[in-house]
Amino acid sequence: MFDFLAELFSRKDESKVRLTRDQQRDVDAFVSELITIGRKEDFLAERPGGAFNGHCHHHRTRMIGEKLHAMGGLELMWLVFYRVKKKVGKQLSDHLEYAWSGIGHWMA
């Protein structure tokens, strides 16, 4: 477990995730969008409808999670998760973690 965390928090250039410049721009845009979603709407709702699916997970949040997984798997998702967590705090990041449940091998 320690090796995983050490690798996760390693410098960006040591990460196993290799992205093109375009992909990195996309990732940066996804981070910004997730921060906005979290602050304005939250990643979870008490009731489905509107921006939230039948499981009360924010539709766009899940779409972003799926795109991140396709681009770089769980490692990229974790890297983005921690970037978002720094900006939105623990409570909202806990909601993000739960909203991404079931994408790839992501488990809340």
C-alpha atoms as a PDB file:
ATOM      1  CA  MET A   1       0.000   0.000   0.000  1.00  0.00           C
ATOM      2  CA  PHE A   2       2.790   2.445   0.838  1.00  0.00           C
ATOM      3  CA  ASP A   3       4.375   1.944  -2.579  1.00  0.00           C
ATOM      4  CA  PHE A   4       1.051   2.732  -4.244  1.00  0.00           C
ATOM      5  CA  LEU A   5       0.664   5.947  -2.246  1.00  0.00           C
ATOM      6  CA  ALA A   6       4.278   6.933  -2.822  1.00  0.00           C
ATOM      7  CA  GLU A   7       3.813   6.429  -6.543  1.00  0.00           C
ATOM      8  CA  LEU A   8       0.494   8.240  -6.531  1.00  0.00           C
ATOM      9  CA  PHE A   9       2.000  11.325  -4.924  1.00  0.00           C
ATOM     10  CA  SER A  10       5.233  11.211  -6.915  1.00  0.00           C
ATOM     11  CA  ARG A  11       6.227  13.991  -9.251  1.00  0.00           C
ATOM     12  CA  LYS A  12       4.099  14.264 -12.368  1.00  0.00           C
ATOM     13  CA  ASP A  13       6.945  13.304 -14.690  1.00  0.00           C
ATOM     14  CA  GLU A  14       7.447  10.053 -12.767  1.00  0.00           C
ATOM     15  CA  SER A  15       3.829   9.001 -13.167  1.00  0.00           C
ATOM     16  CA  LYS A  16       3.088   5.949 -15.269  1.00  0.00           C
ATOM     17  CA  VAL A  17       0.250   7.841 -16.938  1.00  0.00           C
ATOM     18  CA  ARG A  18       1.510   9.217 -20.235  1.00  0.00           C
ATOM     19  CA  LEU A  19      -0.658  11.856 -21.828  1.00  0.00           C
ATOM     20  CA  THR A  20      -0.319  13.903 -24.967  1.00  0.00           C
ATOM     21  CA  ARG A  21      -0.481  17.683 -24.638  1.00  0.00           C
ATOM     22  CA  ASP A  22      -4.071  17.606 -25.869  1.00  0.00           C
ATOM     23  CA  GLN A  23      -4.980  14.970 -23.301  1.00  0.00           C
ATOM     24  CA  GLN A  24      -3.296  16.980 -20.540  1.00  0.00           C
ATOM     25  CA  ARG A  25      -5.351  20.016 -21.554  1.00  0.00           C
ATOM     26  CA  ASP A  26      -8.464  17.833 -21.419  1.00  0.00           C
ATOM     27  CA  VAL A  27      -7.516  16.568 -17.962  1.00  0.00           C
ATOM     28  CA  ASP A  28      -6.936  20.127 -16.722  1.00  0.00           C
ATOM     29  CA  ALA A  29     -10.344  21.120 -18.120  1.00  0.00           C
ATOM     30  CA  PHE A  30     -11.971  18.098 -16.436  1.00  0.00           C
ATOM     31  CA  VAL A  31     -10.402  19.073 -13.100  1.00  0.00           C
ATOM     32  CA  SER A  32     -11.768  22.606 -13.428  1.00  0.00           C
ATOM     33  CA  GLU A  33     -15.180  21.329 -14.433  1.00  0.00           C
ATOM     34  CA  LEU A  34     -15.309  18.876 -11.531  1.00  0.00           C
ATOM     35  CA  ILE A  35     -14.400  21.641  -9.088  1.00  0.00           C
ATOM     36  CA  THR A  36     -17.222  23.784 -10.502  1.00  0.00           C
ATOM     37  CA  ILE A  37     -19.720  20.913 -10.382  1.00  0.00           C
ATOM     38  CA  GLY A  38     -18.772  20.083  -6.812  1.00  0.00           C
ATOM     39  CA  ARG A  39     -19.061  23.653  -5.600  1.00  0.00           C
ATOM     40  CA  LYS A  40     -22.243  24.565  -7.489  1.00  0.00           C
ATOM     41  CA  GLU A  41     -24.238  21.333  -7.671  1.00  0.00           C
ATOM     42  CA  ASP A  42     -22.422  18.634  -5.656  1.00  0.00           C
ATOM     43  CA  PHE A  43     -21.578  15.220  -7.096  1.00  0.00           C
ATOM     44  CA  LEU A  44     -24.503  13.511  -5.360  1.00  0.00           C
ATOM     45  CA  ALA A  45     -28.140  14.389  -4.809  1.00  0.00           C
ATOM     46  CA  GLU A  46     -30.819  13.231  -2.442  1.00  0.00           C
ATOM     47  CA  ARG A  47     -33.195  12.562  -5.344  1.00  0.00           C
ATOM     48  CA  PRO A  48     -32.638  11.596  -8.973  1.00  0.00           C
ATOM     49  CA  GLY A  49     -33.562  13.931 -11.786  1.00  0.00           C
ATOM     50  CA  GLY A  50     -32.148  16.834 -13.730  1.00  0.00           C
ATOM     51  CA  ALA A  51     -28.363  16.577 -13.661  1.00  0.00           C
ATOM     52  CA  PHE A  52     -28.500  13.415 -11.517  1.00  0.00           C
ATOM     53  CA  ASN A  53     -29.073   9.835 -12.637  1.00  0.00           C
ATOM     54  CA  GLY A  54     -31.267   7.203 -11.000  1.00  0.00           C
ATOM     55  CA  HIS A  55     -28.549   6.524  -8.424  1.00  0.00           C
ATOM     56  CA  CYS A  56     -28.377  10.255  -7.578  1.00  0.00           C
ATOM     57  CA  HIS A  57     -24.923  10.573  -9.155  1.00  0.00           C
ATOM     58  CA  HIS A  58     -24.182  13.646 -11.251  1.00  0.00           C
ATOM     59  CA  HIS A  59     -24.343  12.623 -14.953  1.00  0.00           C
ATOM     60  CA  ARG A  60     -21.443  14.796 -16.137  1.00  0.00           C
ATOM     61  CA  THR A  61     -19.279  13.746 -13.187  1.00  0.00           C
ATOM     62  CA  ARG A  62     -19.668  10.118 -14.218  1.00  0.00           C
ATOM     63  CA  MET A  63     -18.992  10.930 -17.867  1.00  0.00           C
ATOM     64  CA  ILE A  64     -15.762  12.678 -16.875  1.00  0.00           C
ATOM     65  CA  GLY A  65     -14.777   9.701 -14.720  1.00  0.00           C
ATOM     66  CA  GLU A  66     -15.361   7.343 -17.655  1.00  0.00           C
ATOM     67  CA  LYS A  67     -13.274   9.525 -19.981  1.00  0.00           C
ATOM     68  CA  LEU A  68     -10.454   9.716 -17.421  1.00  0.00           C
ATOM     69  CA  HIS A  69     -10.521   5.953 -16.998  1.00  0.00           C
ATOM     70  CA  ALA A  70     -10.327   5.456 -20.759  1.00  0.00           C
ATOM     71  CA  MET A  71      -7.378   7.878 -20.949  1.00  0.00           C
ATOM     72  CA  GLY A  72      -5.303   6.615 -18.044  1.00  0.00           C
ATOM     73  CA  GLY A  73      -7.140   4.085 -15.935  1.00  0.00           C
ATOM     74  CA  LEU A  74      -7.412   4.207 -12.171  1.00  0.00           C
ATOM     75  CA  GLU A  75      -4.097   5.988 -11.752  1.00  0.00           C
ATOM     76  CA  LEU A  76      -5.288   9.000 -13.726  1.00  0.00           C
ATOM     77  CA  MET A  77      -8.612   8.963 -11.893  1.00  0.00           C
ATOM     78  CA  TRP A  78      -6.770   9.037  -8.539  1.00  0.00           C
ATOM     79  CA  LEU A  79      -4.495  11.833  -9.683  1.00  0.00           C
ATOM     80  CA  VAL A  80      -7.517  13.906 -10.733  1.00  0.00           C
ATOM     81  CA  PHE A  81      -9.395  12.978  -7.565  1.00  0.00           C
ATOM     82  CA  TYR A  82      -6.597  14.349  -5.374  1.00  0.00           C
ATOM     83  CA  ARG A  83      -6.336  17.538  -7.433  1.00  0.00           C
ATOM     84  CA  VAL A  84     -10.074  18.097  -7.021  1.00  0.00           C
ATOM     85  CA  LYS A  85      -9.943  17.197  -3.314  1.00  0.00           C
ATOM     86  CA  LYS A  86      -7.376  19.933  -2.692  1.00  0.00           C
ATOM     87  CA  LYS A  87      -9.850  22.496  -4.029  1.00  0.00           C
ATOM     88  CA  VAL A  88     -13.217  21.257  -2.755  1.00  0.00           C
ATOM     89  CA  GLY A  89     -12.336  19.623   0.566  1.00  0.00           C
ATOM     90  CA  LYS A  90     -12.973  16.250   2.129  1.00  0.00           C
ATOM     91  CA  GLN A  91     -16.787  16.203   2.207  1.00  0.00           C
ATOM     92  CA  LEU A  92     -17.256  17.008  -1.477  1.00  0.00           C
ATOM     93  CA  SER A  93     -14.372  14.751  -2.480  1.00  0.00           C
ATOM     94  CA  ASP A  94     -16.050  11.923  -0.568  1.00  0.00           C
ATOM     95  CA  HIS A  95     -19.111  12.572  -2.730  1.00  0.00           C
ATOM     96  CA  LEU A  96     -16.955  12.485  -5.877  1.00  0.00           C
ATOM     97  CA  GLU A  97     -15.431   9.209  -4.769  1.00  0.00           C
ATOM     98  CA  TYR A  98     -18.888   7.715  -4.335  1.00  0.00           C
ATOM     99  CA  ALA A  99     -20.223   9.200  -7.601  1.00  0.00           C
ATOM    100  CA  TRP A 100     -17.421   7.461  -9.518  1.00  0.00           C
ATOM    101  CA  SER A 101     -18.205   4.087  -7.934  1.00  0.00           C
ATOM    102  CA  GLY A 102     -18.256   1.336 -10.541  1.00  0.00           C
ATOM    103  CA  ILE A 103     -16.226   3.150 -13.200  1.00  0.00           C
ATOM    104  CA  GLY A 104     -13.489   0.721 -14.144  1.00  0.00           C
ATOM    105  CA  HIS A 105     -12.369  -0.788 -10.851  1.00  0.00           C
ATOM    106  CA  TRP A 106     -13.078   2.390  -8.874  1.00  0.00           C
ATOM    107  CA  MET A 107     -14.712   1.530  -5.570  1.00  0.00           C
ATOM    108  CA  ALA A 108     -16.026   3.996  -3.006  1.00  0.00           C
END
